[in-house]
Amino acid sequence: MRKITSVLILISITLFTVNAQKCSDVQAQLSSGKVCQSTDTACQTALTTFIACTLNCTQSNNAESAVGACFIKNCSNISNPTVQNYYNQLINCTYSVLLFSSLFFLVAFLL
């Protein structure tokens, strides 16, 4: 039983680390200016609107769950396909990290 538990913990930690790295990569795209090409003004405009929406959610809400709900509800109406793809990547990596974090805590709780 201890071996199985140890293996499950190692798998959970590994999966969490891999997914956390994916989120870091997605966030790095934004900070390094790689979401839009420099000549794509429509993308730049949509990205600026998206960032403003995101900042508004973080400034208007104190709880992390409220920020997430605001982000999903108010910042998803993106018409530019490049920015929409970036938004989808953010949502997917966030859900993946939350899922594996929950799995890790569940396994730890069962010990």
C-alpha atoms as a PDB file:
ATOM      1  CA  MET A   1       0.000   0.000   0.000  1.00  0.00           C
ATOM      2  CA  ARG A   2       2.833   2.403   0.836  1.00  0.00           C
ATOM      3  CA  LYS A   3       4.489   1.730  -2.524  1.00  0.00           C
ATOM      4  CA  ILE A   4       1.306   2.535  -4.419  1.00  0.00           C
ATOM      5  CA  THR A   5       0.806   5.695  -2.390  1.00  0.00           C
ATOM      6  CA  SER A   6       4.390   6.789  -3.004  1.00  0.00           C
ATOM      7  CA  VAL A   7       4.042   6.170  -6.729  1.00  0.00           C
ATOM      8  CA  LEU A   8       0.774   8.125  -6.848  1.00  0.00           C
ATOM      9  CA  ILE A   9       2.376  11.052  -5.043  1.00  0.00           C
ATOM     10  CA  LEU A  10       5.337  11.061  -7.433  1.00  0.00           C
ATOM     11  CA  ILE A  11       3.044  10.913 -10.455  1.00  0.00           C
ATOM     12  CA  SER A  12       0.915  13.749  -9.072  1.00  0.00           C
ATOM     13  CA  ILE A  13       3.957  15.923  -8.385  1.00  0.00           C
ATOM     14  CA  THR A  14       5.361  15.211 -11.849  1.00  0.00           C
ATOM     15  CA  LEU A  15       2.092  16.008 -13.599  1.00  0.00           C
ATOM     16  CA  PHE A  16       1.645  19.172 -11.536  1.00  0.00           C
ATOM     17  CA  THR A  17       5.179  20.323 -12.398  1.00  0.00           C
ATOM     18  CA  VAL A  18       4.723  19.653 -16.118  1.00  0.00           C
ATOM     19  CA  ASN A  19       1.397  21.509 -16.213  1.00  0.00           C
ATOM     20  CA  ALA A  20       2.753  24.393 -14.134  1.00  0.00           C
ATOM     21  CA  GLN A  21       5.604  24.718 -16.642  1.00  0.00           C
ATOM     22  CA  LYS A  22       3.082  24.846 -19.499  1.00  0.00           C
ATOM     23  CA  CYS A  23       1.305  27.718 -17.730  1.00  0.00           C
ATOM     24  CA  SER A  24       4.614  29.512 -17.281  1.00  0.00           C
ATOM     25  CA  ASP A  25       5.278  29.101 -20.995  1.00  0.00           C
ATOM     26  CA  VAL A  26       1.852  30.520 -21.861  1.00  0.00           C
ATOM     27  CA  GLN A  27       2.378  33.473 -19.527  1.00  0.00           C
ATOM     28  CA  ALA A  28       5.860  34.039 -20.960  1.00  0.00           C
ATOM     29  CA  GLN A  29       4.322  34.476 -24.416  1.00  0.00           C
ATOM     30  CA  LEU A  30       2.539  37.550 -23.129  1.00  0.00           C
ATOM     31  CA  SER A  31       5.451  39.064 -21.249  1.00  0.00           C
ATOM     32  CA  SER A  32       7.827  38.530 -24.174  1.00  0.00           C
ATOM     33  CA  GLY A  33       5.402  39.972 -26.722  1.00  0.00           C
ATOM     34  CA  LYS A  34       4.984  36.731 -28.656  1.00  0.00           C
ATOM     35  CA  VAL A  35       1.182  36.523 -28.650  1.00  0.00           C
ATOM     36  CA  CYS A  36       0.759  38.863 -31.645  1.00  0.00           C
ATOM     37  CA  GLN A  37       3.044  39.655 -34.533  1.00  0.00           C
ATOM     38  CA  SER A  38       4.280  43.224 -34.427  1.00  0.00           C
ATOM     39  CA  THR A  39       2.556  44.035 -37.742  1.00  0.00           C
ATOM     40  CA  ASP A  40      -0.840  42.601 -36.756  1.00  0.00           C
ATOM     41  CA  THR A  41      -2.687  45.669 -35.449  1.00  0.00           C
ATOM     42  CA  ALA A  42      -6.012  43.830 -35.080  1.00  0.00           C
ATOM     43  CA  CYS A  43      -4.336  41.296 -32.812  1.00  0.00           C
ATOM     44  CA  GLN A  44      -2.556  44.032 -30.843  1.00  0.00           C
ATOM     45  CA  THR A  45      -5.854  45.877 -30.328  1.00  0.00           C
ATOM     46  CA  ALA A  46      -7.672  42.708 -29.219  1.00  0.00           C
ATOM     47  CA  LEU A  47      -4.797  41.816 -26.901  1.00  0.00           C
ATOM     48  CA  THR A  48      -4.850  45.282 -25.320  1.00  0.00           C
ATOM     49  CA  THR A  49      -8.598  44.922 -24.688  1.00  0.00           C
ATOM     50  CA  PHE A  50      -8.067  41.429 -23.273  1.00  0.00           C
ATOM     51  CA  ILE A  51      -5.320  42.630 -20.915  1.00  0.00           C
ATOM     52  CA  ALA A  52      -7.501  45.546 -19.753  1.00  0.00           C
ATOM     53  CA  CYS A  53     -10.337  43.110 -19.021  1.00  0.00           C
ATOM     54  CA  THR A  54      -7.989  40.839 -17.090  1.00  0.00           C
ATOM     55  CA  LEU A  55      -6.633  43.734 -15.039  1.00  0.00           C
ATOM     56  CA  ASN A  56     -10.160  44.930 -14.338  1.00  0.00           C
ATOM     57  CA  CYS A  57     -11.070  41.478 -12.995  1.00  0.00           C
ATOM     58  CA  THR A  58      -8.036  41.361 -10.710  1.00  0.00           C
ATOM     59  CA  GLN A  59      -8.585  44.887  -9.407  1.00  0.00           C
ATOM     60  CA  SER A  60     -12.339  44.498  -8.897  1.00  0.00           C
ATOM     61  CA  ASN A  61     -12.248  41.208  -6.994  1.00  0.00           C
ATOM     62  CA  ASN A  62     -10.429  40.119  -3.863  1.00  0.00           C
ATOM     63  CA  ALA A  63     -11.045  36.382  -3.928  1.00  0.00           C
ATOM     64  CA  GLU A  64      -9.168  34.230  -6.422  1.00  0.00           C
ATOM     65  CA  SER A  65     -12.351  32.368  -7.355  1.00  0.00           C
ATOM     66  CA  ALA A  66     -14.105  35.680  -8.093  1.00  0.00           C
ATOM     67  CA  VAL A  67     -11.209  36.775 -10.298  1.00  0.00           C
ATOM     68  CA  GLY A  68     -11.427  33.489 -12.206  1.00  0.00           C
ATOM     69  CA  ALA A  69     -15.183  33.756 -12.629  1.00  0.00           C
ATOM     70  CA  CYS A  70     -14.862  37.356 -13.840  1.00  0.00           C
ATOM     71  CA  PHE A  71     -12.101  36.358 -16.250  1.00  0.00           C
ATOM     72  CA  ILE A  72     -14.137  33.514 -17.743  1.00  0.00           C
ATOM     73  CA  LYS A  73     -17.381  35.514 -17.915  1.00  0.00           C
ATOM     74  CA  ASN A  74     -16.120  38.906 -19.081  1.00  0.00           C
ATOM     75  CA  CYS A  75     -12.891  38.296 -20.970  1.00  0.00           C
ATOM     76  CA  SER A  76     -13.905  35.442 -23.256  1.00  0.00           C
ATOM     77  CA  ASN A  77     -15.651  37.496 -25.951  1.00  0.00           C
ATOM     78  CA  ILE A  78     -12.569  37.793 -28.151  1.00  0.00           C
ATOM     79  CA  SER A  79     -13.069  38.245 -31.884  1.00  0.00           C
ATOM     80  CA  ASN A  80      -9.408  37.938 -32.891  1.00  0.00           C
ATOM     81  CA  PRO A  81      -8.463  34.259 -33.451  1.00  0.00           C
ATOM     82  CA  THR A  82      -4.866  34.688 -32.232  1.00  0.00           C
ATOM     83  CA  VAL A  83      -5.917  36.267 -28.940  1.00  0.00           C
ATOM     84  CA  GLN A  84      -8.774  33.740 -28.629  1.00  0.00           C
ATOM     85  CA  ASN A  85      -6.223  30.942 -29.005  1.00  0.00           C
ATOM     86  CA  TYR A  86      -4.067  32.548 -26.303  1.00  0.00           C
ATOM     87  CA  TYR A  87      -7.113  32.832 -24.014  1.00  0.00           C
ATOM     88  CA  ASN A  88      -7.924  29.143 -24.604  1.00  0.00           C
ATOM     89  CA  GLN A  89      -4.342  28.171 -23.729  1.00  0.00           C
ATOM     90  CA  LEU A  90      -4.585  30.154 -20.475  1.00  0.00           C
ATOM     91  CA  ILE A  91      -7.876  28.516 -19.549  1.00  0.00           C
ATOM     92  CA  ASN A  92      -6.627  25.022 -20.404  1.00  0.00           C
ATOM     93  CA  CYS A  93      -3.404  25.292 -18.435  1.00  0.00           C
ATOM     94  CA  THR A  94      -5.226  26.812 -15.458  1.00  0.00           C
ATOM     95  CA  TYR A  95      -7.769  23.978 -15.408  1.00  0.00           C
ATOM     96  CA  SER A  96      -4.983  21.397 -15.772  1.00  0.00           C
ATOM     97  CA  VAL A  97      -3.030  22.802 -12.838  1.00  0.00           C
ATOM     98  CA  LEU A  98      -6.181  22.951 -10.709  1.00  0.00           C
ATOM     99  CA  LEU A  99      -7.072  19.375 -11.620  1.00  0.00           C
ATOM    100  CA  PHE A 100      -3.649  17.994 -10.755  1.00  0.00           C
ATOM    101  CA  SER A 101      -3.433  20.100  -7.593  1.00  0.00           C
ATOM    102  CA  SER A 102      -6.747  18.623  -6.500  1.00  0.00           C
ATOM    103  CA  LEU A 103      -5.519  15.127  -7.328  1.00  0.00           C
ATOM    104  CA  PHE A 104      -2.339  15.696  -5.325  1.00  0.00           C
ATOM    105  CA  PHE A 105      -4.234  16.935  -2.274  1.00  0.00           C
ATOM    106  CA  LEU A 106      -6.713  14.073  -2.567  1.00  0.00           C
ATOM    107  CA  VAL A 107      -3.875  11.535  -2.590  1.00  0.00           C
ATOM    108  CA  ALA A 108      -2.188  13.302   0.329  1.00  0.00           C
ATOM    109  CA  PHE A 109      -5.486  13.359   2.220  1.00  0.00           C
ATOM    110  CA  LEU A 110      -5.955   9.631   1.716  1.00  0.00           C
ATOM    111  CA  LEU A 111      -2.605   8.884   3.334  1.00  0.00           C
END
